[in-house]
Amino acid sequence: MEKQRVIEKEAETQKKIAFSEAEKNAGVSKILMEQKLTEKESARQQQEIENQMYIAREKSLADADYYRVIKEAESNDLKLTPQFLELKFIEAIADNTKIFFGEKVPNMILDQRLLGSFLQEVSKEVSKEVSGEGVSRK
């Protein structure tokens, strides 16, 4: 009978040890799970911060590009004068020149835009001279 009690006590002790081990393992497992959860939460927060930084950087670049395009458009509006257009027209004609050799050289047909401003300036000067002479005669 005493042997049976000893066996029961040993079984009970083994059961308590197993229960204690299980509780210890459960505690360790819980701590590891909480640690992993904390790491995941930390990684999520870090990714969120990186995403916000990326969005802010891209927004900044987009705003800078928008500002550059607006300022470029404004400067193009200021640059778009008849004199500038005439200069670009003359440069385009100068870039497209061809050299002809031979007895028959084709006539160059001058565009009215090419001669237009020159003729306007000449006619203004002539009219100023004529009106100036007319004023001085009176």
C-alpha atoms as a PDB file:
ATOM      1  CA  MET A   1       0.000   0.000   0.000  1.00  0.00           C
ATOM      2  CA  GLU A   2       2.798   2.298   0.785  1.00  0.00           C
ATOM      3  CA  LYS A   3       4.361   1.477  -2.547  1.00  0.00           C
ATOM      4  CA  GLN A   4       1.131   2.423  -4.194  1.00  0.00           C
ATOM      5  CA  ARG A   5       1.106   5.722  -2.313  1.00  0.00           C
ATOM      6  CA  VAL A   6       4.674   6.420  -3.346  1.00  0.00           C
ATOM      7  CA  ILE A   7       3.741   5.687  -6.945  1.00  0.00           C
ATOM      8  CA  GLU A   8       0.695   7.952  -6.655  1.00  0.00           C
ATOM      9  CA  LYS A   9       2.822  10.691  -5.085  1.00  0.00           C
ATOM     10  CA  GLU A  10       5.409  10.323  -7.842  1.00  0.00           C
ATOM     11  CA  ALA A  11       2.637  10.439 -10.443  1.00  0.00           C
ATOM     12  CA  GLU A  12       1.165  13.475  -8.752  1.00  0.00           C
ATOM     13  CA  THR A  13       4.600  15.078  -8.599  1.00  0.00           C
ATOM     14  CA  GLN A  14       5.189  14.246 -12.273  1.00  0.00           C
ATOM     15  CA  LYS A  15       1.791  15.735 -13.069  1.00  0.00           C
ATOM     16  CA  LYS A  16       2.643  18.921 -11.136  1.00  0.00           C
ATOM     17  CA  ILE A  17       6.033  19.110 -12.847  1.00  0.00           C
ATOM     18  CA  ALA A  18       4.401  18.629 -16.249  1.00  0.00           C
ATOM     19  CA  PHE A  19       1.767  21.240 -15.394  1.00  0.00           C
ATOM     20  CA  SER A  20       4.491  23.604 -14.194  1.00  0.00           C
ATOM     21  CA  GLU A  21       6.486  22.976 -17.408  1.00  0.00           C
ATOM     22  CA  ALA A  22       3.363  23.575 -19.484  1.00  0.00           C
ATOM     23  CA  GLU A  23       2.659  26.845 -17.661  1.00  0.00           C
ATOM     24  CA  LYS A  24       6.292  27.879 -18.090  1.00  0.00           C
ATOM     25  CA  ASN A  25       6.187  27.012 -21.818  1.00  0.00           C
ATOM     26  CA  ALA A  26       2.877  28.844 -22.173  1.00  0.00           C
ATOM     27  CA  GLY A  27       4.379  31.895 -20.466  1.00  0.00           C
ATOM     28  CA  VAL A  28       7.443  31.782 -22.714  1.00  0.00           C
ATOM     29  CA  SER A  29       5.220  31.313 -25.752  1.00  0.00           C
ATOM     30  CA  LYS A  30       3.052  34.255 -24.681  1.00  0.00           C
ATOM     31  CA  ILE A  31       6.131  36.442 -24.203  1.00  0.00           C
ATOM     32  CA  LEU A  32       7.490  35.402 -27.627  1.00  0.00           C
ATOM     33  CA  MET A  33       4.121  36.105 -29.273  1.00  0.00           C
ATOM     34  CA  GLU A  34       3.934  39.530 -27.610  1.00  0.00           C
ATOM     35  CA  GLN A  35       7.494  40.228 -28.733  1.00  0.00           C
ATOM     36  CA  LYS A  36       6.677  39.234 -32.327  1.00  0.00           C
ATOM     37  CA  LEU A  37       3.501  41.317 -32.199  1.00  0.00           C
ATOM     38  CA  THR A  38       5.487  44.298 -30.903  1.00  0.00           C
ATOM     39  CA  GLU A  39       8.076  43.811 -33.667  1.00  0.00           C
ATOM     40  CA  LYS A  40       5.338  43.622 -36.313  1.00  0.00           C
ATOM     41  CA  GLU A  41       3.666  46.750 -34.930  1.00  0.00           C
ATOM     42  CA  SER A  42       7.014  48.539 -34.879  1.00  0.00           C
ATOM     43  CA  ALA A  43       7.722  47.480 -38.480  1.00  0.00           C
ATOM     44  CA  ARG A  44       4.235  48.642 -39.523  1.00  0.00           C
ATOM     45  CA  GLN A  45       4.757  52.034 -37.879  1.00  0.00           C
ATOM     46  CA  GLN A  46       8.185  52.361 -39.486  1.00  0.00           C
ATOM     47  CA  GLN A  47       6.716  51.507 -42.901  1.00  0.00           C
ATOM     48  CA  GLU A  48       3.947  54.044 -42.352  1.00  0.00           C
ATOM     49  CA  ILE A  49       6.519  56.726 -41.513  1.00  0.00           C
ATOM     50  CA  GLU A  50       8.551  55.815 -44.616  1.00  0.00           C
ATOM     51  CA  ASN A  51       5.382  55.990 -46.730  1.00  0.00           C
ATOM     52  CA  GLN A  52       4.556  59.424 -45.335  1.00  0.00           C
ATOM     53  CA  MET A  53       8.109  60.588 -46.046  1.00  0.00           C
ATOM     54  CA  TYR A  54       7.884  59.230 -49.602  1.00  0.00           C
ATOM     55  CA  ILE A  55       4.515  60.916 -50.156  1.00  0.00           C
ATOM     56  CA  ALA A  56       5.855  64.208 -48.783  1.00  0.00           C
ATOM     57  CA  ARG A  57       8.957  63.977 -50.999  1.00  0.00           C
ATOM     58  CA  GLU A  58       6.918  63.146 -54.115  1.00  0.00           C
ATOM     59  CA  LYS A  59       4.433  65.927 -53.337  1.00  0.00           C
ATOM     60  CA  SER A  60       7.325  68.340 -52.904  1.00  0.00           C
ATOM     61  CA  LEU A  61       8.806  67.273 -56.249  1.00  0.00           C
ATOM     62  CA  ALA A  62       5.402  67.549 -57.940  1.00  0.00           C
ATOM     63  CA  ASP A  63       4.851  71.015 -56.455  1.00  0.00           C
ATOM     64  CA  ALA A  64       8.310  72.118 -57.578  1.00  0.00           C
ATOM     65  CA  ASP A  65       7.686  70.757 -61.066  1.00  0.00           C
ATOM     66  CA  TYR A  66       4.286  72.485 -61.191  1.00  0.00           C
ATOM     67  CA  TYR A  67       5.875  75.770 -60.072  1.00  0.00           C
ATOM     68  CA  ARG A  68       8.631  75.386 -62.680  1.00  0.00           C
ATOM     69  CA  VAL A  69       6.106  74.712 -65.449  1.00  0.00           C
ATOM     70  CA  ILE A  70       3.962  77.698 -64.402  1.00  0.00           C
ATOM     71  CA  LYS A  71       6.987  80.020 -64.289  1.00  0.00           C
ATOM     72  CA  GLU A  72       8.230  78.674 -67.610  1.00  0.00           C
ATOM     73  CA  ALA A  73       4.816  79.316 -69.164  1.00  0.00           C
ATOM     74  CA  GLU A  74       4.798  82.848 -67.746  1.00  0.00           C
ATOM     75  CA  SER A  75       8.288  83.514 -69.089  1.00  0.00           C
ATOM     76  CA  ASN A  76       7.279  82.118 -72.479  1.00  0.00           C
ATOM     77  CA  ASP A  77       4.323  84.511 -72.516  1.00  0.00           C
ATOM     78  CA  LEU A  78       6.687  87.402 -71.799  1.00  0.00           C
ATOM     79  CA  LYS A  79       9.151  86.167 -74.401  1.00  0.00           C
ATOM     80  CA  LEU A  80       6.478  85.761 -77.074  1.00  0.00           C
ATOM     81  CA  THR A  81       6.873  89.137 -78.796  1.00  0.00           C
ATOM     82  CA  PRO A  82       6.710  89.955 -82.499  1.00  0.00           C
ATOM     83  CA  GLN A  83      10.449  90.633 -82.493  1.00  0.00           C
ATOM     84  CA  PHE A  84      11.197  87.242 -80.920  1.00  0.00           C
ATOM     85  CA  LEU A  85       8.925  85.474 -83.400  1.00  0.00           C
ATOM     86  CA  GLU A  86      10.621  87.292 -86.257  1.00  0.00           C
ATOM     87  CA  LEU A  87      14.029  86.279 -84.914  1.00  0.00           C
ATOM     88  CA  LYS A  88      12.954  82.635 -84.686  1.00  0.00           C
ATOM     89  CA  PHE A  89      11.517  82.818 -88.205  1.00  0.00           C
ATOM     90  CA  ILE A  90      14.769  84.248 -89.582  1.00  0.00           C
ATOM     91  CA  GLU A  91      16.806  81.628 -87.693  1.00  0.00           C
ATOM     92  CA  ALA A  92      14.609  78.887 -89.149  1.00  0.00           C
ATOM     93  CA  ILE A  93      15.128  80.220 -92.667  1.00  0.00           C
ATOM     94  CA  ALA A  94      18.875  80.565 -92.060  1.00  0.00           C
ATOM     95  CA  ASP A  95      19.054  76.960 -90.866  1.00  0.00           C
ATOM     96  CA  ASN A  96      17.262  75.744 -93.988  1.00  0.00           C
ATOM     97  CA  THR A  97      19.446  77.447 -96.572  1.00  0.00           C
ATOM     98  CA  LYS A  98      20.517  75.533 -99.628  1.00  0.00           C
ATOM     99  CA  ILE A  99      23.389  76.372-101.923  1.00  0.00           C
ATOM    100  CA  PHE A 100      22.683  76.080-105.629  1.00  0.00           C
ATOM    101  CA  PHE A 101      25.399  75.937-108.246  1.00  0.00           C
ATOM    102  CA  GLY A 102      24.841  76.411-111.918  1.00  0.00           C
ATOM    103  CA  GLU A 103      23.640  78.879-114.523  1.00  0.00           C
ATOM    104  CA  LYS A 104      20.035  78.989-113.403  1.00  0.00           C
ATOM    105  CA  VAL A 105      19.752  79.985-109.761  1.00  0.00           C
ATOM    106  CA  PRO A 106      16.176  79.849-108.482  1.00  0.00           C
ATOM    107  CA  ASN A 107      14.673  83.053-107.198  1.00  0.00           C
ATOM    108  CA  MET A 108      14.152  83.165-103.459  1.00  0.00           C
ATOM    109  CA  ILE A 109      10.600  83.973-102.639  1.00  0.00           C
ATOM    110  CA  LEU A 110      10.671  86.110 -99.546  1.00  0.00           C
ATOM    111  CA  ASP A 111       7.858  85.632 -97.110  1.00  0.00           C
ATOM    112  CA  GLN A 112       5.931  88.749 -96.181  1.00  0.00           C
ATOM    113  CA  ARG A 113       6.752  88.050 -92.552  1.00  0.00           C
ATOM    114  CA  LEU A 114      10.451  88.306 -93.375  1.00  0.00           C
ATOM    115  CA  LEU A 115      10.124  91.623 -95.129  1.00  0.00           C
ATOM    116  CA  GLY A 116       7.077  92.787 -93.188  1.00  0.00           C
ATOM    117  CA  SER A 117       8.743  94.301 -90.137  1.00  0.00           C
ATOM    118  CA  PHE A 118      11.593  95.764 -92.201  1.00  0.00           C
ATOM    119  CA  LEU A 119       9.139  97.452 -94.563  1.00  0.00           C
ATOM    120  CA  GLN A 120       7.049  98.690 -91.627  1.00  0.00           C
ATOM    121  CA  GLU A 121      10.089 100.288 -90.013  1.00  0.00           C
ATOM    122  CA  VAL A 122      11.149 101.883 -93.298  1.00  0.00           C
ATOM    123  CA  SER A 123       7.648 103.238 -93.923  1.00  0.00           C
ATOM    124  CA  LYS A 124       7.504 104.633 -90.366  1.00  0.00           C
ATOM    125  CA  GLU A 125      10.841 106.381 -90.859  1.00  0.00           C
ATOM    126  CA  VAL A 126       9.735 107.774 -94.211  1.00  0.00           C
ATOM    127  CA  SER A 127       6.419 109.000 -92.785  1.00  0.00           C
ATOM    128  CA  LYS A 128       8.252 110.613 -89.858  1.00  0.00           C
ATOM    129  CA  GLU A 129      10.609 112.373 -92.261  1.00  0.00           C
ATOM    130  CA  VAL A 130       7.743 113.514 -94.460  1.00  0.00           C
ATOM    131  CA  SER A 131       5.627 114.701 -91.534  1.00  0.00           C
ATOM    132  CA  GLY A 132       8.696 116.284 -89.939  1.00  0.00           C
ATOM    133  CA  GLU A 133       9.465 118.216 -93.133  1.00  0.00           C
ATOM    134  CA  GLY A 134       5.839 119.225 -93.448  1.00  0.00           C
ATOM    135  CA  VAL A 135       5.808 120.555 -89.887  1.00  0.00           C
ATOM    136  CA  SER A 136       9.039 122.489 -90.357  1.00  0.00           C
ATOM    137  CA  ARG A 137       7.735 124.148 -93.557  1.00  0.00           C
ATOM    138  CA  LYS A 138       4.683 125.580 -91.830  1.00  0.00           C
END
